[in-house]
N, C-alpha and C. Protein backbone atom coordinates (compact mmCIF):
# COMPACT_ATOMS: atom_id res chain seq x y z
N MET A 1 -15.31 113.76 71.58
CA MET A 1 -15.97 112.53 71.19
C MET A 1 -14.93 111.58 70.59
N ARG A 2 -14.97 110.34 70.99
CA ARG A 2 -14.06 109.33 70.46
C ARG A 2 -14.78 108.55 69.36
N LEU A 3 -14.08 108.36 68.26
CA LEU A 3 -14.67 107.62 67.14
C LEU A 3 -15.01 106.19 67.52
N SER A 4 -14.20 105.60 68.39
CA SER A 4 -14.46 104.21 68.78
C SER A 4 -15.79 104.07 69.52
N GLY A 5 -16.32 105.15 70.07
CA GLY A 5 -17.58 105.10 70.79
C GLY A 5 -18.80 105.26 69.92
N LEU A 6 -18.63 105.41 68.62
CA LEU A 6 -19.77 105.61 67.72
C LEU A 6 -20.54 104.32 67.43
N ASN A 7 -19.95 103.18 67.72
CA ASN A 7 -20.57 101.88 67.44
C ASN A 7 -20.99 101.75 65.98
N ARG A 8 -20.13 102.24 65.11
CA ARG A 8 -20.41 102.14 63.67
C ARG A 8 -19.23 101.54 62.93
N GLY A 9 -18.62 100.55 63.49
CA GLY A 9 -17.53 99.87 62.80
C GLY A 9 -16.23 100.65 62.80
N PHE A 10 -15.83 101.20 63.94
CA PHE A 10 -14.56 101.91 64.02
C PHE A 10 -13.41 100.93 63.83
N ARG A 11 -12.43 101.35 63.03
CA ARG A 11 -11.24 100.52 62.84
C ARG A 11 -10.06 101.39 62.47
N VAL A 12 -8.87 100.92 62.87
CA VAL A 12 -7.61 101.58 62.57
C VAL A 12 -6.92 100.78 61.49
N GLU A 13 -6.52 101.46 60.41
CA GLU A 13 -5.80 100.81 59.32
C GLU A 13 -4.37 101.35 59.28
N PRO A 14 -3.40 100.58 59.79
CA PRO A 14 -2.01 101.03 59.70
C PRO A 14 -1.56 101.00 58.23
N VAL A 15 -0.90 102.06 57.79
CA VAL A 15 -0.44 102.13 56.40
C VAL A 15 1.08 102.10 56.33
N VAL A 16 1.75 102.87 57.18
CA VAL A 16 3.21 102.94 57.19
C VAL A 16 3.68 102.98 58.63
N GLN A 17 4.70 102.22 58.93
CA GLN A 17 5.40 102.37 60.21
C GLN A 17 6.87 102.18 59.91
N GLY A 18 7.65 103.23 60.13
CA GLY A 18 9.07 103.17 59.81
C GLY A 18 9.78 104.43 60.25
N GLN A 19 10.82 104.78 59.50
CA GLN A 19 11.62 105.95 59.81
C GLN A 19 11.38 107.04 58.78
N VAL A 20 11.51 108.28 59.22
CA VAL A 20 11.34 109.42 58.32
C VAL A 20 12.22 110.54 58.84
N LEU A 21 12.72 111.37 57.93
CA LEU A 21 13.40 112.58 58.36
C LEU A 21 12.37 113.52 58.93
N ASN A 22 12.68 114.15 60.04
CA ASN A 22 11.75 115.08 60.67
C ASN A 22 11.31 116.10 59.64
N PRO A 23 10.02 116.15 59.33
CA PRO A 23 9.53 117.03 58.29
C PRO A 23 9.48 118.50 58.66
N ARG A 24 9.68 118.82 59.93
CA ARG A 24 9.67 120.22 60.42
C ARG A 24 8.50 120.99 59.84
N GLY A 25 7.32 120.61 60.27
CA GLY A 25 6.11 121.23 59.79
C GLY A 25 5.62 122.31 60.71
N PRO A 26 4.38 122.72 60.54
CA PRO A 26 3.83 123.82 61.33
C PRO A 26 3.62 123.48 62.80
N PHE A 27 3.66 122.19 63.16
CA PHE A 27 3.38 121.81 64.53
C PHE A 27 4.63 121.63 65.38
N LEU A 28 5.69 121.12 64.80
CA LEU A 28 6.85 120.77 65.59
C LEU A 28 7.67 122.00 65.92
N PRO A 29 8.01 122.19 67.19
CA PRO A 29 8.72 123.39 67.60
C PRO A 29 10.16 123.41 67.13
N ALA A 30 10.79 124.57 67.26
CA ALA A 30 12.15 124.77 66.78
C ALA A 30 13.13 123.78 67.38
N GLY A 31 12.94 123.33 68.58
CA GLY A 31 13.87 122.41 69.22
C GLY A 31 13.58 120.96 68.97
N SER A 32 12.91 120.61 67.91
CA SER A 32 12.49 119.22 67.71
C SER A 32 13.35 118.46 66.71
N ASP A 33 14.62 118.77 66.65
CA ASP A 33 15.57 118.05 65.80
C ASP A 33 15.19 118.07 64.32
N ALA A 34 15.00 119.24 63.76
CA ALA A 34 14.69 119.33 62.34
C ALA A 34 15.76 118.59 61.55
N GLY A 35 15.33 117.74 60.65
CA GLY A 35 16.25 116.97 59.83
C GLY A 35 16.69 115.68 60.48
N GLY A 36 16.40 115.46 61.76
CA GLY A 36 16.78 114.23 62.44
C GLY A 36 15.83 113.10 62.11
N LEU A 37 16.28 111.87 62.32
CA LEU A 37 15.43 110.72 62.07
C LEU A 37 14.39 110.57 63.17
N MET A 38 13.18 110.21 62.75
CA MET A 38 12.09 109.98 63.69
C MET A 38 11.38 108.68 63.32
N ARG A 39 10.75 108.07 64.32
CA ARG A 39 9.86 106.94 64.05
C ARG A 39 8.53 107.55 63.60
N GLN A 40 7.94 106.93 62.60
CA GLN A 40 6.69 107.46 62.06
C GLN A 40 5.67 106.33 61.94
N ARG A 41 4.44 106.65 62.26
CA ARG A 41 3.31 105.73 62.05
C ARG A 41 2.23 106.52 61.34
N LEU A 42 1.78 106.02 60.20
CA LEU A 42 0.68 106.64 59.45
C LEU A 42 -0.50 105.68 59.45
N VAL A 43 -1.67 106.20 59.82
CA VAL A 43 -2.87 105.35 59.85
C VAL A 43 -4.07 106.10 59.28
N ARG A 44 -5.03 105.31 58.84
CA ARG A 44 -6.36 105.83 58.49
C ARG A 44 -7.31 105.33 59.55
N LEU A 45 -8.16 106.22 60.06
CA LEU A 45 -9.20 105.83 61.00
C LEU A 45 -10.50 105.75 60.21
N HIS A 46 -11.16 104.61 60.32
CA HIS A 46 -12.38 104.35 59.55
C HIS A 46 -13.59 104.29 60.47
N VAL A 47 -14.70 104.77 59.98
CA VAL A 47 -16.00 104.55 60.59
C VAL A 47 -16.89 104.02 59.48
N ASN A 48 -17.56 102.89 59.75
CA ASN A 48 -18.43 102.29 58.75
C ASN A 48 -17.68 102.00 57.44
N ASN A 49 -16.43 101.54 57.57
CA ASN A 49 -15.54 101.21 56.45
C ASN A 49 -15.19 102.39 55.55
N GLU A 50 -15.31 103.60 56.08
CA GLU A 50 -14.97 104.80 55.32
C GLU A 50 -13.92 105.59 56.09
N PRO A 51 -12.79 105.96 55.41
CA PRO A 51 -11.78 106.74 56.13
C PRO A 51 -12.33 108.12 56.48
N VAL A 52 -12.15 108.51 57.75
CA VAL A 52 -12.65 109.80 58.21
C VAL A 52 -11.55 110.66 58.83
N VAL A 53 -10.46 110.03 59.26
CA VAL A 53 -9.33 110.75 59.85
C VAL A 53 -8.04 110.12 59.33
N LEU A 54 -7.08 110.97 58.97
CA LEU A 54 -5.74 110.53 58.62
C LEU A 54 -4.82 110.99 59.74
N ALA A 55 -3.93 110.11 60.20
CA ALA A 55 -3.10 110.47 61.35
C ALA A 55 -1.64 110.10 61.14
N GLN A 56 -0.79 110.97 61.64
CA GLN A 56 0.65 110.73 61.65
C GLN A 56 1.13 110.84 63.09
N THR A 57 1.92 109.87 63.52
CA THR A 57 2.54 109.91 64.85
C THR A 57 4.05 109.92 64.65
N LEU A 58 4.72 110.82 65.36
CA LEU A 58 6.18 110.93 65.28
C LEU A 58 6.78 110.88 66.67
N VAL A 59 7.91 110.19 66.77
CA VAL A 59 8.69 110.16 68.02
C VAL A 59 10.16 110.06 67.62
N LYS A 60 11.03 110.72 68.37
CA LYS A 60 12.47 110.72 68.05
C LYS A 60 13.04 109.31 68.04
N MET A 61 13.93 109.05 67.09
CA MET A 61 14.60 107.76 67.00
C MET A 61 15.52 107.55 68.19
N ASN A 62 16.17 108.61 68.65
CA ASN A 62 17.17 108.46 69.70
C ASN A 62 16.57 108.55 71.10
N GLY A 63 15.25 108.54 71.20
CA GLY A 63 14.61 108.58 72.52
C GLY A 63 14.70 107.23 73.21
N ALA A 64 14.55 107.24 74.50
CA ALA A 64 14.60 106.00 75.27
C ALA A 64 13.45 105.08 74.86
N VAL A 65 13.74 103.83 74.60
CA VAL A 65 12.73 102.86 74.17
C VAL A 65 11.63 102.73 75.23
N SER A 66 12.00 102.86 76.48
CA SER A 66 11.01 102.70 77.56
C SER A 66 10.00 103.85 77.60
N ASP A 67 10.30 104.98 76.95
CA ASP A 67 9.36 106.09 76.96
C ASP A 67 8.04 105.71 76.29
N TRP A 68 8.13 104.99 75.19
CA TRP A 68 6.93 104.57 74.45
C TRP A 68 7.06 103.08 74.11
N HIS A 69 7.08 102.25 75.13
CA HIS A 69 7.35 100.82 75.00
C HIS A 69 6.38 100.08 74.09
N PHE A 70 5.19 100.60 73.89
CA PHE A 70 4.16 99.91 73.10
C PHE A 70 4.31 100.14 71.61
N TRP A 71 5.24 101.00 71.20
CA TRP A 71 5.34 101.47 69.81
C TRP A 71 5.31 100.33 68.80
N ARG A 72 6.16 99.35 68.96
CA ARG A 72 6.28 98.28 67.96
C ARG A 72 5.08 97.33 67.95
N GLY A 73 4.36 97.25 69.03
CA GLY A 73 3.27 96.30 69.10
C GLY A 73 1.89 96.88 68.86
N LEU A 74 1.81 98.11 68.35
CA LEU A 74 0.49 98.73 68.17
C LEU A 74 -0.37 98.01 67.15
N GLY A 75 0.20 97.67 66.02
CA GLY A 75 -0.59 97.03 64.97
C GLY A 75 -1.80 97.87 64.63
N SER A 76 -2.98 97.26 64.65
CA SER A 76 -4.21 97.98 64.31
C SER A 76 -4.94 98.50 65.56
N ARG A 77 -4.25 98.50 66.70
CA ARG A 77 -4.86 99.08 67.90
C ARG A 77 -4.86 100.60 67.79
N SER A 78 -5.83 101.21 68.40
CA SER A 78 -5.94 102.66 68.42
C SER A 78 -4.89 103.24 69.36
N LEU A 79 -4.09 104.16 68.87
CA LEU A 79 -3.10 104.83 69.70
C LEU A 79 -3.80 105.59 70.84
N GLY A 80 -4.92 106.20 70.54
CA GLY A 80 -5.67 106.93 71.55
C GLY A 80 -6.06 106.05 72.72
N SER A 81 -6.49 104.82 72.45
CA SER A 81 -6.89 103.93 73.54
C SER A 81 -5.70 103.60 74.42
N VAL A 82 -4.51 103.52 73.85
CA VAL A 82 -3.31 103.24 74.63
C VAL A 82 -2.90 104.47 75.43
N LEU A 83 -2.89 105.63 74.78
CA LEU A 83 -2.45 106.86 75.46
C LEU A 83 -3.38 107.25 76.60
N PHE A 84 -4.68 107.21 76.36
CA PHE A 84 -5.63 107.70 77.35
C PHE A 84 -5.89 106.69 78.47
N SER A 85 -5.39 105.47 78.33
CA SER A 85 -5.56 104.49 79.41
C SER A 85 -4.36 104.47 80.35
N ASP A 86 -3.31 105.20 80.03
CA ASP A 86 -2.11 105.26 80.87
C ASP A 86 -2.13 106.56 81.67
N PRO A 87 -2.30 106.49 82.98
CA PRO A 87 -2.40 107.72 83.78
C PRO A 87 -1.12 108.57 83.78
N ARG A 88 0.00 107.98 83.37
CA ARG A 88 1.26 108.74 83.32
C ARG A 88 1.36 109.61 82.08
N VAL A 89 0.53 109.33 81.08
CA VAL A 89 0.59 110.10 79.82
C VAL A 89 -0.14 111.41 80.00
N LYS A 90 0.53 112.47 79.62
CA LYS A 90 -0.06 113.82 79.68
C LYS A 90 -0.10 114.40 78.27
N ARG A 91 -1.25 114.95 77.93
CA ARG A 91 -1.37 115.61 76.62
C ARG A 91 -1.11 117.09 76.83
N GLY A 92 -0.27 117.64 75.97
CA GLY A 92 0.01 119.07 76.01
C GLY A 92 -1.08 119.84 75.30
N ASN A 93 -0.78 121.08 74.98
CA ASN A 93 -1.73 121.93 74.26
C ASN A 93 -2.07 121.35 72.90
N LEU A 94 -3.27 121.64 72.45
CA LEU A 94 -3.66 121.30 71.08
C LEU A 94 -3.26 122.45 70.17
N TYR A 95 -2.74 122.11 69.01
CA TYR A 95 -2.37 123.10 68.00
C TYR A 95 -3.21 122.82 66.77
N PHE A 96 -3.55 123.87 66.04
CA PHE A 96 -4.35 123.73 64.83
C PHE A 96 -3.64 124.42 63.68
N ALA A 97 -3.83 123.88 62.47
CA ALA A 97 -3.17 124.47 61.30
C ALA A 97 -3.94 124.12 60.05
N ARG A 98 -3.66 124.89 59.03
CA ARG A 98 -4.12 124.58 57.67
C ARG A 98 -2.89 124.09 56.92
N LEU A 99 -2.95 122.84 56.48
CA LEU A 99 -1.83 122.24 55.75
C LEU A 99 -2.08 122.35 54.26
N PRO A 100 -1.02 122.53 53.47
CA PRO A 100 -1.22 122.58 52.02
C PRO A 100 -1.74 121.24 51.48
N LEU A 101 -2.48 121.31 50.39
CA LEU A 101 -3.07 120.12 49.79
C LEU A 101 -2.04 119.03 49.53
N GLY A 102 -0.81 119.43 49.17
CA GLY A 102 0.22 118.45 48.83
C GLY A 102 1.04 117.95 50.01
N GLN A 103 0.58 118.17 51.25
CA GLN A 103 1.33 117.71 52.43
C GLN A 103 1.70 116.24 52.25
N THR A 104 2.99 115.92 52.31
CA THR A 104 3.49 114.60 51.95
C THR A 104 2.83 113.46 52.72
N TRP A 105 2.78 113.56 54.04
CA TRP A 105 2.24 112.43 54.79
C TRP A 105 0.75 112.25 54.54
N VAL A 106 0.04 113.33 54.29
CA VAL A 106 -1.39 113.22 53.98
C VAL A 106 -1.57 112.55 52.63
N GLN A 107 -0.78 112.95 51.64
CA GLN A 107 -0.86 112.35 50.31
C GLN A 107 -0.61 110.84 50.37
N GLN A 108 0.30 110.41 51.24
CA GLN A 108 0.59 108.98 51.39
C GLN A 108 -0.63 108.20 51.87
N LEU A 109 -1.51 108.86 52.59
CA LEU A 109 -2.67 108.18 53.19
C LEU A 109 -3.94 108.28 52.36
N LEU A 110 -3.96 109.12 51.36
CA LEU A 110 -5.17 109.29 50.56
C LEU A 110 -5.36 108.12 49.60
N SER A 111 -6.58 107.69 49.46
CA SER A 111 -6.90 106.70 48.44
C SER A 111 -6.80 107.41 47.09
N PRO A 112 -6.57 106.68 46.01
CA PRO A 112 -6.51 107.33 44.69
C PRO A 112 -7.78 108.13 44.37
N GLN A 113 -8.94 107.61 44.78
CA GLN A 113 -10.21 108.29 44.51
C GLN A 113 -10.27 109.63 45.26
N LEU A 114 -9.93 109.62 46.54
CA LEU A 114 -9.99 110.85 47.32
C LEU A 114 -8.91 111.84 46.86
N ARG A 115 -7.75 111.34 46.50
CA ARG A 115 -6.68 112.21 45.99
C ARG A 115 -7.16 112.94 44.73
N ALA A 116 -7.78 112.20 43.81
CA ALA A 116 -8.27 112.81 42.58
C ALA A 116 -9.36 113.84 42.88
N GLU A 117 -10.25 113.49 43.80
CA GLU A 117 -11.34 114.39 44.18
C GLU A 117 -10.79 115.69 44.77
N MET A 118 -9.82 115.58 45.66
CA MET A 118 -9.25 116.77 46.29
C MET A 118 -8.44 117.60 45.30
N ASN A 119 -7.74 116.95 44.40
CA ASN A 119 -6.93 117.68 43.43
C ASN A 119 -7.79 118.49 42.46
N THR A 120 -9.03 118.07 42.24
CA THR A 120 -9.91 118.83 41.35
C THR A 120 -10.37 120.13 41.99
N LEU A 121 -10.23 120.23 43.32
CA LEU A 121 -10.66 121.43 44.03
C LEU A 121 -9.68 122.59 43.87
N GLY A 122 -8.49 122.29 43.36
CA GLY A 122 -7.54 123.37 43.10
C GLY A 122 -6.53 123.58 44.20
N SER A 123 -5.55 124.40 43.91
CA SER A 123 -4.42 124.59 44.82
C SER A 123 -4.78 125.41 46.05
N GLY A 124 -5.91 126.08 46.06
CA GLY A 124 -6.30 126.86 47.22
C GLY A 124 -6.85 126.01 48.36
N ARG A 125 -7.08 124.74 48.10
CA ARG A 125 -7.64 123.83 49.11
C ARG A 125 -6.58 123.53 50.16
N VAL A 126 -7.02 123.46 51.40
CA VAL A 126 -6.11 123.12 52.50
C VAL A 126 -6.73 121.99 53.32
N TRP A 127 -5.90 121.34 54.11
CA TRP A 127 -6.34 120.35 55.06
C TRP A 127 -6.39 121.01 56.42
N TYR A 128 -7.44 120.78 57.17
CA TYR A 128 -7.53 121.29 58.53
C TYR A 128 -7.00 120.19 59.45
N ALA A 129 -6.05 120.56 60.29
CA ALA A 129 -5.37 119.56 61.11
C ALA A 129 -5.22 120.05 62.54
N ARG A 130 -5.04 119.08 63.41
CA ARG A 130 -4.70 119.41 64.79
C ARG A 130 -3.53 118.52 65.20
N CYS A 131 -2.82 118.99 66.21
CA CYS A 131 -1.66 118.27 66.69
C CYS A 131 -1.62 118.36 68.20
N ALA A 132 -1.12 117.32 68.82
CA ALA A 132 -0.92 117.32 70.27
C ALA A 132 0.42 116.65 70.57
N ARG A 133 1.06 117.16 71.61
CA ARG A 133 2.31 116.60 72.10
C ARG A 133 1.97 115.81 73.36
N PHE A 134 2.41 114.56 73.40
CA PHE A 134 2.17 113.71 74.56
C PHE A 134 3.51 113.40 75.23
N SER A 135 3.48 113.26 76.55
CA SER A 135 4.68 112.86 77.28
C SER A 135 4.27 111.93 78.41
N ARG A 136 5.19 111.03 78.77
CA ARG A 136 4.93 110.12 79.89
C ARG A 136 5.63 110.59 81.15
N GLN A 137 6.72 111.31 80.98
CA GLN A 137 7.47 111.84 82.11
C GLN A 137 8.07 113.17 81.67
N PRO A 138 8.24 114.11 82.59
CA PRO A 138 8.87 115.38 82.21
C PRO A 138 10.28 115.14 81.66
N ASP A 139 10.65 115.94 80.70
CA ASP A 139 11.99 115.90 80.10
C ASP A 139 12.34 114.56 79.46
N ARG A 140 11.34 113.84 79.00
CA ARG A 140 11.58 112.58 78.28
C ARG A 140 11.12 112.76 76.84
N THR A 141 11.25 111.72 76.06
CA THR A 141 10.95 111.78 74.64
C THR A 141 9.47 112.06 74.40
N PRO A 142 9.13 113.18 73.73
CA PRO A 142 7.73 113.45 73.43
C PRO A 142 7.24 112.63 72.24
N LEU A 143 5.96 112.48 72.15
CA LEU A 143 5.31 111.82 71.03
C LEU A 143 4.34 112.83 70.44
N TRP A 144 4.39 113.02 69.14
CA TRP A 144 3.53 113.99 68.45
C TRP A 144 2.49 113.25 67.63
N VAL A 145 1.24 113.67 67.73
CA VAL A 145 0.15 113.10 66.93
C VAL A 145 -0.48 114.22 66.12
N MET A 146 -0.48 114.07 64.80
CA MET A 146 -1.12 115.01 63.89
C MET A 146 -2.29 114.32 63.22
N GLU A 147 -3.42 115.01 63.15
CA GLU A 147 -4.62 114.43 62.57
C GLU A 147 -5.23 115.38 61.55
N VAL A 148 -5.66 114.82 60.43
CA VAL A 148 -6.40 115.57 59.41
C VAL A 148 -7.79 114.95 59.36
N PHE A 149 -8.79 115.81 59.46
CA PHE A 149 -10.17 115.35 59.47
C PHE A 149 -10.75 115.48 58.07
N LEU A 150 -11.18 114.35 57.53
CA LEU A 150 -11.72 114.33 56.17
C LEU A 150 -13.18 114.80 56.20
N PRO A 151 -13.66 115.35 55.09
CA PRO A 151 -15.06 115.86 55.06
C PRO A 151 -16.10 114.81 55.43
N GLN A 152 -15.83 113.52 55.18
CA GLN A 152 -16.79 112.46 55.48
C GLN A 152 -17.08 112.34 56.97
N LEU A 153 -16.18 112.82 57.82
CA LEU A 153 -16.37 112.70 59.26
C LEU A 153 -17.67 113.38 59.71
N GLU A 154 -18.04 114.44 59.01
CA GLU A 154 -19.24 115.20 59.35
C GLU A 154 -20.49 114.32 59.42
N PHE A 155 -20.54 113.26 58.63
CA PHE A 155 -21.71 112.42 58.58
C PHE A 155 -21.83 111.48 59.79
N TYR A 156 -20.79 111.42 60.61
CA TYR A 156 -20.78 110.51 61.76
C TYR A 156 -20.79 111.24 63.10
N LEU A 157 -20.91 112.53 63.08
CA LEU A 157 -20.89 113.29 64.33
C LEU A 157 -22.28 113.74 64.74
């Protein structure tokens, strides 16, 4: 199910777009340039003006610009609408993980209210996340999308 199809005020809120050292998390494979610079985009996906998904997109800095030519012009457009409308884009396997409550990129996207609410739940709390690797051509620069689903999403499904 796509959030944009809910007809309940879907919107993408870009929060950060810049460079980051590859965080080498549970999703990125051993050959993904741990410690190397990557382009990063952090967004909140809203339904009915409420954040329901937090997302991080990563792509290698040294990859060919033509691999993901739309990167700089995304703005508040949905990355999913761009990826799924291009027949050359292939999504790899989906990966799932439990991320620690203090996951850096997730913390950057939390509102102060939600951060306080989650921190009261204690250190045993985890974020449930999924990740997918996208490619436009074999042996070219992959694009990684990681998503954390907030509890509020349940009310819109």
